[in-house]
Amino acid sequence: MSMAGTSSEPWYREGLRFACTRCGACCRGPGYVWTDPGEVEVLAARLSLEVDEFGRRYLRRVGRRLSLVDGPDGACVFWDNGCSVYPARPRQCRTFPFWAENLTGEAAWNETAKLSPGVNQGRLYELQEIEDLRGGSGSTSGVPAAGALSTGELPNRPAARDTRVLQPAPRGRDRKDSE
């Protein structure tokens, strides 16, 4: 019996199509954009800022984690009719729509397609690529992963002086709630 017929393989074993249209659908919804210290360093460098200054301007603590703050309209702070930090965007952004919650079944994938016009369009991602992206490796655009460019630790300090930034935002669904 071939493995293709077994339940041990994911429903997307034949691959999935996606082409980023840069519409911003994944950038403009409510939720958090989680970052790690390496991504923070890369983003700070992209904006020619020191890590501490980047943290004061663009990060908030949510529990023990760091998230980018929202812009005035609730979208990602770096969304301005396009991603202003696209080459340095966090892993969460680079791996959309191949997030675990979008890959739980065809229904979840099709719900994601209703929100993002690039889902089920464009190039075919093969099973191994999907698994890599689901695990946080790679990029849907071919742009090098930001975390691969820099590593390091942030000082153990509040993310910003503005206490509003330190509070978890009352939200519905995260853009992605990983880890």
C-alpha atoms as a PDB file:
ATOM      1  CA  MET A   1       0.000   0.000   0.000  1.00  0.00           C
ATOM      2  CA  SER A   2       1.350   3.430  -0.867  1.00  0.00           C
ATOM      3  CA  MET A   3       1.874   6.080   1.783  1.00  0.00           C
ATOM      4  CA  ALA A   4      -0.327   8.516  -0.175  1.00  0.00           C
ATOM      5  CA  GLY A   5      -3.425   6.709   1.065  1.00  0.00           C
ATOM      6  CA  THR A   6      -2.522   6.647   4.732  1.00  0.00           C
ATOM      7  CA  SER A   7      -3.791   9.035   7.366  1.00  0.00           C
ATOM      8  CA  SER A   8      -0.229   9.769   8.505  1.00  0.00           C
ATOM      9  CA  GLU A   9       0.230  12.196   5.625  1.00  0.00           C
ATOM     10  CA  PRO A  10      -1.258  15.670   5.841  1.00  0.00           C
ATOM     11  CA  TRP A  11      -4.255  16.642   3.754  1.00  0.00           C
ATOM     12  CA  TYR A  12      -1.998  18.968   1.735  1.00  0.00           C
ATOM     13  CA  ARG A  13       0.416  16.186   0.691  1.00  0.00           C
ATOM     14  CA  GLU A  14      -0.034  17.146  -2.993  1.00  0.00           C
ATOM     15  CA  GLY A  15       0.998  20.724  -2.200  1.00  0.00           C
ATOM     16  CA  LEU A  16      -0.725  24.073  -1.886  1.00  0.00           C
ATOM     17  CA  ARG A  17      -0.699  27.191  -4.020  1.00  0.00           C
ATOM     18  CA  PHE A  18       0.139  30.651  -2.788  1.00  0.00           C
ATOM     19  CA  ALA A  19       1.329  33.886  -4.343  1.00  0.00           C
ATOM     20  CA  CYS A  20       1.801  36.949  -2.174  1.00  0.00           C
ATOM     21  CA  THR A  21      -0.125  39.785  -3.788  1.00  0.00           C
ATOM     22  CA  ARG A  22       1.165  42.252  -1.186  1.00  0.00           C
ATOM     23  CA  CYS A  23      -2.457  43.198  -0.541  1.00  0.00           C
ATOM     24  CA  GLY A  24      -1.761  43.484   3.195  1.00  0.00           C
ATOM     25  CA  ALA A  25      -4.675  41.295   4.277  1.00  0.00           C
ATOM     26  CA  CYS A  26      -2.374  39.469   6.710  1.00  0.00           C
ATOM     27  CA  CYS A  27      -0.935  42.808   7.922  1.00  0.00           C
ATOM     28  CA  ARG A  28      -4.151  44.676   8.594  1.00  0.00           C
ATOM     29  CA  GLY A  29      -6.064  42.255  10.796  1.00  0.00           C
ATOM     30  CA  PRO A  30      -6.189  42.471  14.568  1.00  0.00           C
ATOM     31  CA  GLY A  31      -3.620  40.554  16.549  1.00  0.00           C
ATOM     32  CA  TYR A  32       0.050  40.307  17.351  1.00  0.00           C
ATOM     33  CA  VAL A  33       3.161  40.133  15.210  1.00  0.00           C
ATOM     34  CA  TRP A  34       5.532  38.106  17.386  1.00  0.00           C
ATOM     35  CA  THR A  35       9.252  38.798  17.158  1.00  0.00           C
ATOM     36  CA  ASP A  36      12.394  37.286  18.568  1.00  0.00           C
ATOM     37  CA  PRO A  37      15.659  39.020  19.514  1.00  0.00           C
ATOM     38  CA  GLY A  38      17.375  38.228  16.205  1.00  0.00           C
ATOM     39  CA  GLU A  39      14.461  39.638  14.233  1.00  0.00           C
ATOM     40  CA  VAL A  40      14.446  42.755  16.408  1.00  0.00           C
ATOM     41  CA  GLU A  41      18.122  43.340  15.639  1.00  0.00           C
ATOM     42  CA  VAL A  42      17.534  42.949  11.902  1.00  0.00           C
ATOM     43  CA  LEU A  43      14.509  45.264  11.955  1.00  0.00           C
ATOM     44  CA  ALA A  44      16.420  47.863  13.977  1.00  0.00           C
ATOM     45  CA  ALA A  45      19.317  47.727  11.520  1.00  0.00           C
ATOM     46  CA  ARG A  46      16.915  48.070   8.582  1.00  0.00           C
ATOM     47  CA  LEU A  47      15.606  51.287  10.139  1.00  0.00           C
ATOM     48  CA  SER A  48      19.092  52.487  11.190  1.00  0.00           C
ATOM     49  CA  LEU A  49      18.104  52.416  14.860  1.00  0.00           C
ATOM     50  CA  GLU A  50      19.754  51.067  17.965  1.00  0.00           C
ATOM     51  CA  VAL A  51      17.923  48.031  19.352  1.00  0.00           C
ATOM     52  CA  ASP A  52      16.825  49.958  22.481  1.00  0.00           C
ATOM     53  CA  GLU A  53      15.373  52.780  20.391  1.00  0.00           C
ATOM     54  CA  PHE A  54      13.606  50.304  18.126  1.00  0.00           C
ATOM     55  CA  GLY A  55      12.130  48.666  21.229  1.00  0.00           C
ATOM     56  CA  ARG A  56      10.844  51.945  22.620  1.00  0.00           C
ATOM     57  CA  ARG A  57       9.188  52.853  19.325  1.00  0.00           C
ATOM     58  CA  TYR A  58       7.959  49.585  17.907  1.00  0.00           C
ATOM     59  CA  LEU A  59       7.679  46.816  20.521  1.00  0.00           C
ATOM     60  CA  ARG A  60       5.273  45.882  23.271  1.00  0.00           C
ATOM     61  CA  ARG A  61       5.436  43.095  25.806  1.00  0.00           C
ATOM     62  CA  VAL A  62       2.611  40.610  25.828  1.00  0.00           C
ATOM     63  CA  GLY A  63       3.270  38.348  28.765  1.00  0.00           C
ATOM     64  CA  ARG A  64       6.843  37.181  28.264  1.00  0.00           C
ATOM     65  CA  ARG A  65       6.796  37.743  24.520  1.00  0.00           C
ATOM     66  CA  LEU A  66       7.506  40.671  22.238  1.00  0.00           C
ATOM     67  CA  SER A  67       5.129  41.900  19.570  1.00  0.00           C
ATOM     68  CA  LEU A  68       5.264  44.782  17.157  1.00  0.00           C
ATOM     69  CA  VAL A  69       2.940  47.610  18.145  1.00  0.00           C
ATOM     70  CA  ASP A  70      -0.047  48.424  15.974  1.00  0.00           C
ATOM     71  CA  GLY A  71      -0.238  51.455  13.756  1.00  0.00           C
ATOM     72  CA  PRO A  72      -2.928  54.079  14.391  1.00  0.00           C
ATOM     73  CA  ASP A  73      -5.449  52.161  12.257  1.00  0.00           C
ATOM     74  CA  GLY A  74      -4.810  48.820  13.986  1.00  0.00           C
ATOM     75  CA  ALA A  75      -2.671  47.438  11.164  1.00  0.00           C
ATOM     76  CA  CYS A  76       0.956  46.444  11.610  1.00  0.00           C
ATOM     77  CA  VAL A  77       3.001  49.516  12.424  1.00  0.00           C
ATOM     78  CA  PHE A  78       5.084  48.868   9.286  1.00  0.00           C
ATOM     79  CA  TRP A  79       2.114  48.638   6.893  1.00  0.00           C
ATOM     80  CA  ASP A  80       1.867  51.719   4.675  1.00  0.00           C
ATOM     81  CA  ASN A  81       0.204  50.525   1.463  1.00  0.00           C
ATOM     82  CA  GLY A  82       2.953  47.926   1.524  1.00  0.00           C
ATOM     83  CA  CYS A  83       5.414  46.570   4.029  1.00  0.00           C
ATOM     84  CA  SER A  84       8.040  49.210   4.731  1.00  0.00           C
ATOM     85  CA  VAL A  85      10.425  46.581   6.182  1.00  0.00           C
ATOM     86  CA  TYR A  86       9.656  43.748   3.732  1.00  0.00           C
ATOM     87  CA  PRO A  87      13.212  42.354   3.362  1.00  0.00           C
ATOM     88  CA  ALA A  88      13.574  42.284   7.173  1.00  0.00           C
ATOM     89  CA  ARG A  89      10.030  41.240   8.112  1.00  0.00           C
ATOM     90  CA  PRO A  90       9.617  38.750  10.986  1.00  0.00           C
ATOM     91  CA  ARG A  91       9.321  34.985  10.485  1.00  0.00           C
ATOM     92  CA  GLN A  92       5.590  35.142  11.139  1.00  0.00           C
ATOM     93  CA  CYS A  93       5.183  37.416   8.122  1.00  0.00           C
ATOM     94  CA  ARG A  94       7.604  35.464   5.921  1.00  0.00           C
ATOM     95  CA  THR A  95       5.765  32.184   6.460  1.00  0.00           C
ATOM     96  CA  PHE A  96       2.165  33.342   5.919  1.00  0.00           C
ATOM     97  CA  PRO A  97      -0.172  31.572   5.097  1.00  0.00           C
ATOM     98  CA  PHE A  98       1.612  28.339   6.054  1.00  0.00           C
ATOM     99  CA  TRP A  99       0.845  28.670   9.767  1.00  0.00           C
ATOM    100  CA  ALA A 100      -0.170  25.611  11.765  1.00  0.00           C
ATOM    101  CA  GLU A 101      -3.681  26.917  12.382  1.00  0.00           C
ATOM    102  CA  ASN A 102      -4.224  27.456   8.647  1.00  0.00           C
ATOM    103  CA  LEU A 103      -3.052  23.908   7.878  1.00  0.00           C
ATOM    104  CA  THR A 104      -5.339  22.016  10.271  1.00  0.00           C
ATOM    105  CA  GLY A 105      -7.631  21.052   7.407  1.00  0.00           C
ATOM    106  CA  GLU A 106      -9.055  22.142   4.093  1.00  0.00           C
ATOM    107  CA  ALA A 107     -11.765  24.167   5.832  1.00  0.00           C
ATOM    108  CA  ALA A 108      -9.191  26.264   7.720  1.00  0.00           C
ATOM    109  CA  TRP A 109      -7.148  26.753   4.538  1.00  0.00           C
ATOM    110  CA  ASN A 110     -10.247  27.837   2.612  1.00  0.00           C
ATOM    111  CA  GLU A 111     -11.180  30.295   5.383  1.00  0.00           C
ATOM    112  CA  THR A 112      -7.705  31.796   5.005  1.00  0.00           C
ATOM    113  CA  ALA A 113      -8.307  32.018   1.245  1.00  0.00           C
ATOM    114  CA  LYS A 114     -11.378  34.169   1.915  1.00  0.00           C
ATOM    115  CA  LEU A 115      -9.152  36.683   3.695  1.00  0.00           C
ATOM    116  CA  SER A 116      -6.119  36.566   1.413  1.00  0.00           C
ATOM    117  CA  PRO A 117      -6.476  36.638  -2.389  1.00  0.00           C
ATOM    118  CA  GLY A 118      -3.093  34.935  -2.886  1.00  0.00           C
ATOM    119  CA  VAL A 119      -4.158  31.662  -1.230  1.00  0.00           C
ATOM    120  CA  ASN A 120      -4.897  28.947  -3.813  1.00  0.00           C
ATOM    121  CA  GLN A 121      -3.209  31.112  -6.475  1.00  0.00           C
ATOM    122  CA  GLY A 122       0.273  31.211  -7.942  1.00  0.00           C
ATOM    123  CA  ARG A 123       3.067  28.761  -7.460  1.00  0.00           C
ATOM    124  CA  LEU A 124       2.673  25.300  -5.993  1.00  0.00           C
ATOM    125  CA  TYR A 125       4.469  24.758  -2.690  1.00  0.00           C
ATOM    126  CA  GLU A 126       5.413  21.125  -2.264  1.00  0.00           C
ATOM    127  CA  LEU A 127       4.917  19.168   0.943  1.00  0.00           C
ATOM    128  CA  GLN A 128       8.473  19.636   2.270  1.00  0.00           C
ATOM    129  CA  GLU A 129       8.382  23.390   1.612  1.00  0.00           C
ATOM    130  CA  ILE A 130       5.061  23.658   3.429  1.00  0.00           C
ATOM    131  CA  GLU A 131       6.408  21.698   6.381  1.00  0.00           C
ATOM    132  CA  ASP A 132       9.503  23.917   6.503  1.00  0.00           C
ATOM    133  CA  LEU A 133       7.395  27.084   6.405  1.00  0.00           C
ATOM    134  CA  ARG A 134       4.995  25.679   8.990  1.00  0.00           C
ATOM    135  CA  GLY A 135       8.027  25.118  11.207  1.00  0.00           C
ATOM    136  CA  GLY A 136       9.195  28.707  10.737  1.00  0.00           C
ATOM    137  CA  SER A 137      11.931  28.147   8.149  1.00  0.00           C
ATOM    138  CA  GLY A 138      12.112  29.777   4.777  1.00  0.00           C
ATOM    139  CA  SER A 139      10.049  32.442   3.126  1.00  0.00           C
ATOM    140  CA  THR A 140       7.107  32.543   0.759  1.00  0.00           C
ATOM    141  CA  SER A 141       8.898  35.171  -1.318  1.00  0.00           C
ATOM    142  CA  GLY A 142      12.451  33.902  -1.539  1.00  0.00           C
ATOM    143  CA  VAL A 143      13.761  36.853   0.503  1.00  0.00           C
ATOM    144  CA  PRO A 144      16.400  35.604   2.992  1.00  0.00           C
ATOM    145  CA  ALA A 145      15.116  34.936   6.468  1.00  0.00           C
ATOM    146  CA  ALA A 146      15.683  37.897   8.790  1.00  0.00           C
ATOM    147  CA  GLY A 147      16.761  35.666  11.679  1.00  0.00           C
ATOM    148  CA  ALA A 148      19.537  34.248   9.509  1.00  0.00           C
ATOM    149  CA  LEU A 149      21.148  37.675   9.290  1.00  0.00           C
ATOM    150  CA  SER A 150      21.606  38.386  12.962  1.00  0.00           C
ATOM    151  CA  THR A 151      21.309  36.847  16.401  1.00  0.00           C
ATOM    152  CA  GLY A 152      21.533  38.208  19.908  1.00  0.00           C
ATOM    153  CA  GLU A 153      19.697  38.868  23.113  1.00  0.00           C
ATOM    154  CA  LEU A 154      17.655  41.851  24.138  1.00  0.00           C
ATOM    155  CA  PRO A 155      18.335  43.341  27.531  1.00  0.00           C
ATOM    156  CA  ASN A 156      15.847  42.291  30.202  1.00  0.00           C
ATOM    157  CA  ARG A 157      13.892  45.514  30.245  1.00  0.00           C
ATOM    158  CA  PRO A 158      10.411  46.783  29.455  1.00  0.00           C
ATOM    159  CA  ALA A 159       9.799  47.119  25.734  1.00  0.00           C
ATOM    160  CA  ALA A 160       8.927  50.800  25.995  1.00  0.00           C
ATOM    161  CA  ARG A 161       8.544  53.670  28.433  1.00  0.00           C
ATOM    162  CA  ASP A 162       4.926  54.116  27.378  1.00  0.00           C
ATOM    163  CA  THR A 163       3.001  51.809  29.726  1.00  0.00           C
ATOM    164  CA  ARG A 164       0.229  51.411  27.144  1.00  0.00           C
ATOM    165  CA  VAL A 165       2.677  49.500  25.002  1.00  0.00           C
ATOM    166  CA  LEU A 166       3.387  47.083  27.847  1.00  0.00           C
ATOM    167  CA  GLN A 167      -0.233  45.994  28.165  1.00  0.00           C
ATOM    168  CA  PRO A 168      -1.630  43.175  26.049  1.00  0.00           C
ATOM    169  CA  ALA A 169      -4.029  44.701  23.574  1.00  0.00           C
ATOM    170  CA  PRO A 170      -7.610  43.497  23.885  1.00  0.00           C
ATOM    171  CA  ARG A 171      -7.865  41.448  20.734  1.00  0.00           C
ATOM    172  CA  GLY A 172      -9.727  38.765  18.990  1.00  0.00           C
ATOM    173  CA  ARG A 173      -7.703  36.378  16.885  1.00  0.00           C
ATOM    174  CA  ASP A 174      -3.941  36.867  16.695  1.00  0.00           C
ATOM    175  CA  ARG A 175      -2.404  37.394  13.303  1.00  0.00           C
ATOM    176  CA  LYS A 176      -0.467  34.388  14.500  1.00  0.00           C
ATOM    177  CA  ASP A 177      -0.137  33.049  17.989  1.00  0.00           C
ATOM    178  CA  SER A 178       2.831  30.719  17.868  1.00  0.00           C
ATOM    179  CA  GLU A 179       5.118  29.334  20.528  1.00  0.00           C
END
